[in-house]
Amino acid sequence: MSEGSPESAWFDAAPEIEARPRRRAIVVIVAALALGVAIGIGAISIDRGAVPPFRPQIHDRSLEEVTRADRGVRVKGIAHYAGLVELRSKDGAHVVYLYPLLATFQGYDAHVVVRTHKKPDHVEYEQVVVEGIARHPRFLFPWDAWEAMVGKGYRFDDDYVLIDAFD
């Protein structure tokens, strides 16, 4: 391509891109990413009661007092390991244990279900103190696990709570 050819004139006539619009686009993209991260951290901290990775403030509650609106709770009760349900991830690398927490050794009416990553001892009942985040059980307590506990004779009231234990 020679200097007098029409192609070189076309390239020479192209306007140069200024650095300012490019800089403005980068600032807009970085601001949008920062806003997205801030909204995500805010939503998680509202759900958990504390900014990740920190734990929310712990409040002592009885089994009957725990509600889904509570965040950090400490609850004392009888762990019924007869109702233990083990959930494994598809690859088998992650295991979660669910068990009902009751006020007495007898009975099957549960208001609290505990979700933990620590495998309980091989006993049927144990008095435990559980610290964790009180949550709605919708996503953390799958339907098949609920059916397994109901099949073992446990009954849940309408506003039962799942405590995601700190391990």
Protein backbone atom coordinates (compact mmCIF):
# COMPACT_ATOMS: atom_id res chain seq x y z
CA MET A 1 0.00 0.00 0.00
CA SER A 2 1.55 3.25 -1.08
CA GLU A 3 1.19 6.57 0.58
CA GLY A 4 -1.05 7.96 -2.11
CA SER A 5 -3.48 5.05 -2.15
CA PRO A 6 -7.10 5.59 -1.05
CA GLU A 7 -6.75 3.05 1.76
CA SER A 8 -4.01 5.03 3.50
CA ALA A 9 -6.09 8.21 3.24
CA TRP A 10 -8.99 6.41 4.92
CA PHE A 11 -6.78 5.34 7.84
CA ASP A 12 -5.18 8.76 8.11
CA ALA A 13 -8.61 10.43 8.15
CA ALA A 14 -9.88 8.30 11.05
CA PRO A 15 -10.32 10.44 14.15
CA GLU A 16 -8.12 9.67 17.10
CA ILE A 17 -9.91 8.33 20.15
CA GLU A 18 -9.51 10.62 23.10
CA ALA A 19 -8.39 9.22 26.42
CA ARG A 20 -11.13 11.03 28.36
CA PRO A 21 -14.15 8.95 27.19
CA ARG A 22 -12.15 5.78 27.73
CA ARG A 23 -11.27 6.91 31.25
CA ARG A 24 -14.91 7.76 31.92
CA ALA A 25 -16.02 4.31 30.79
CA ILE A 26 -13.51 2.66 33.11
CA VAL A 27 -14.70 4.79 36.04
CA VAL A 28 -18.33 3.86 35.30
CA ILE A 29 -17.50 0.14 35.14
CA VAL A 30 -15.46 0.23 38.37
CA ALA A 31 -18.23 2.20 40.14
CA ALA A 32 -20.86 -0.32 38.98
CA LEU A 33 -18.75 -3.23 40.24
CA ALA A 34 -18.16 -1.51 43.60
CA LEU A 35 -21.89 -0.82 43.93
CA GLY A 36 -22.68 -4.47 43.17
CA VAL A 37 -20.20 -5.70 45.79
CA ALA A 38 -21.58 -3.24 48.37
CA ILE A 39 -25.17 -4.35 47.70
CA GLY A 40 -24.13 -8.02 47.95
CA ILE A 41 -22.29 -7.54 51.25
CA GLY A 42 -25.23 -5.49 52.57
CA ALA A 43 -27.75 -8.22 51.68
CA ILE A 44 -25.59 -10.92 53.29
CA SER A 45 -25.09 -8.84 56.44
CA ILE A 46 -28.84 -8.24 56.75
CA ASP A 47 -29.46 -11.99 56.40
CA ARG A 48 -26.70 -13.02 58.84
CA GLY A 49 -26.90 -10.11 61.26
CA ALA A 50 -23.22 -9.24 60.74
CA VAL A 51 -20.85 -8.38 57.94
CA PRO A 52 -19.07 -11.51 56.66
CA PRO A 53 -16.88 -13.19 57.96
CA PHE A 54 -17.91 -11.97 61.43
CA ARG A 55 -20.53 -13.62 63.61
CA PRO A 56 -23.60 -11.77 64.82
CA GLN A 57 -24.08 -10.88 68.48
CA ILE A 58 -25.30 -13.96 70.39
CA HIS A 59 -28.51 -13.80 72.45
CA ASP A 60 -29.60 -16.51 74.91
CA ARG A 61 -33.03 -17.88 74.01
CA SER A 62 -35.15 -20.78 75.16
CA LEU A 63 -36.40 -23.27 72.59
CA GLU A 64 -39.88 -21.74 72.61
CA GLU A 65 -38.57 -18.16 72.29
CA VAL A 66 -36.49 -18.66 69.14
CA THR A 67 -38.02 -17.03 66.08
CA ARG A 68 -36.98 -16.67 62.48
CA ALA A 69 -36.38 -12.96 63.12
CA ASP A 70 -33.56 -13.75 65.58
CA ARG A 71 -30.05 -13.80 64.18
CA GLY A 72 -27.35 -14.93 66.59
CA VAL A 73 -28.80 -17.27 69.20
CA ARG A 74 -27.60 -19.63 71.93
CA VAL A 75 -30.11 -22.39 72.66
CA LYS A 76 -29.97 -25.21 75.19
CA GLY A 77 -31.90 -28.39 74.52
CA ILE A 78 -31.92 -32.14 74.01
CA ALA A 79 -30.49 -33.24 70.66
CA HIS A 80 -32.48 -36.18 69.32
CA TYR A 81 -29.93 -37.99 67.18
CA ALA A 82 -32.51 -40.66 66.40
CA GLY A 83 -33.90 -38.09 63.96
CA LEU A 84 -30.48 -37.37 62.45
CA VAL A 85 -30.45 -36.78 58.70
CA GLU A 86 -27.19 -36.72 56.76
CA LEU A 87 -27.03 -34.69 53.55
CA ARG A 88 -24.12 -35.08 51.12
CA SER A 89 -23.17 -32.93 48.18
CA LYS A 90 -23.24 -34.53 44.74
CA ASP A 91 -19.48 -35.00 44.75
CA GLY A 92 -19.52 -36.27 48.36
CA ALA A 93 -17.02 -33.67 49.55
CA HIS A 94 -19.43 -31.76 51.82
CA VAL A 95 -21.63 -33.29 54.50
CA VAL A 96 -24.32 -31.54 56.55
CA TYR A 97 -26.16 -33.07 59.51
CA LEU A 98 -29.68 -32.09 60.56
CA TYR A 99 -31.34 -33.09 63.81
CA PRO A 100 -34.27 -31.89 65.92
CA LEU A 101 -33.63 -30.06 69.18
CA LEU A 102 -36.29 -30.65 71.81
CA ALA A 103 -36.95 -29.54 75.38
CA THR A 104 -37.33 -33.07 76.79
CA PHE A 105 -36.09 -36.59 76.19
CA GLN A 106 -39.62 -37.75 75.40
CA GLY A 107 -41.78 -36.23 72.73
CA TYR A 108 -41.56 -35.60 69.06
CA ASP A 109 -42.83 -32.01 68.70
CA ALA A 110 -39.95 -29.93 67.38
CA HIS A 111 -39.69 -26.16 67.09
CA VAL A 112 -35.95 -26.10 66.30
CA VAL A 113 -33.87 -28.05 63.78
CA VAL A 114 -30.08 -27.78 63.96
CA ARG A 115 -27.89 -27.78 60.84
CA THR A 116 -24.21 -28.53 61.48
CA HIS A 117 -21.11 -29.74 59.68
CA LYS A 118 -19.84 -31.61 62.75
CA LYS A 119 -20.86 -35.24 62.97
CA PRO A 120 -22.58 -35.94 66.30
CA ASP A 121 -21.46 -38.70 68.65
CA HIS A 122 -23.10 -42.10 68.36
CA VAL A 123 -25.62 -41.54 71.14
CA GLU A 124 -29.38 -41.30 70.87
CA TYR A 125 -29.88 -38.22 73.07
CA GLU A 126 -27.54 -35.53 74.29
CA GLN A 127 -28.00 -32.26 76.13
CA VAL A 128 -26.34 -29.60 73.99
CA VAL A 129 -25.87 -25.86 73.78
CA VAL A 130 -26.06 -24.68 70.17
CA GLU A 131 -24.83 -21.30 68.95
CA GLY A 132 -25.73 -20.21 65.46
CA ILE A 133 -27.89 -18.14 63.17
CA ALA A 134 -31.65 -18.66 63.36
CA ARG A 135 -33.04 -18.90 59.84
CA HIS A 136 -36.11 -19.78 57.87
CA PRO A 137 -35.69 -23.44 56.89
CA ARG A 138 -36.82 -23.02 53.26
CA PHE A 139 -33.49 -23.58 51.47
CA LEU A 140 -31.31 -25.16 54.15
CA PHE A 141 -33.77 -27.92 55.11
CA PRO A 142 -34.68 -29.80 51.92
CA TRP A 143 -38.03 -31.48 51.48
CA ASP A 144 -36.63 -35.02 51.50
CA ALA A 145 -34.86 -34.35 54.83
CA TRP A 146 -38.12 -33.01 56.28
CA GLU A 147 -39.95 -36.12 55.05
CA ALA A 148 -37.27 -38.36 56.62
CA MET A 149 -37.72 -36.70 60.02
CA VAL A 150 -41.50 -36.84 59.75
CA GLY A 151 -41.15 -40.50 58.82
CA LYS A 152 -39.23 -41.03 62.07
CA GLY A 153 -42.20 -39.58 63.98
CA TYR A 154 -41.16 -35.95 64.49
CA ARG A 155 -43.74 -33.17 64.11
CA PHE A 156 -42.94 -29.56 63.31
CA ASP A 157 -45.06 -26.54 64.15
CA ASP A 158 -45.85 -23.99 61.44
CA ASP A 159 -43.15 -21.52 62.45
CA TYR A 160 -40.30 -23.89 63.23
CA VAL A 161 -36.78 -22.51 63.00
CA LEU A 162 -33.52 -23.86 61.58
CA ILE A 163 -30.38 -22.93 63.50
CA ASP A 164 -27.31 -22.92 61.28
CA ALA A 165 -24.73 -23.83 63.95
CA PHE A 166 -21.31 -22.23 64.17
CA ASP A 167 -18.86 -25.12 63.89
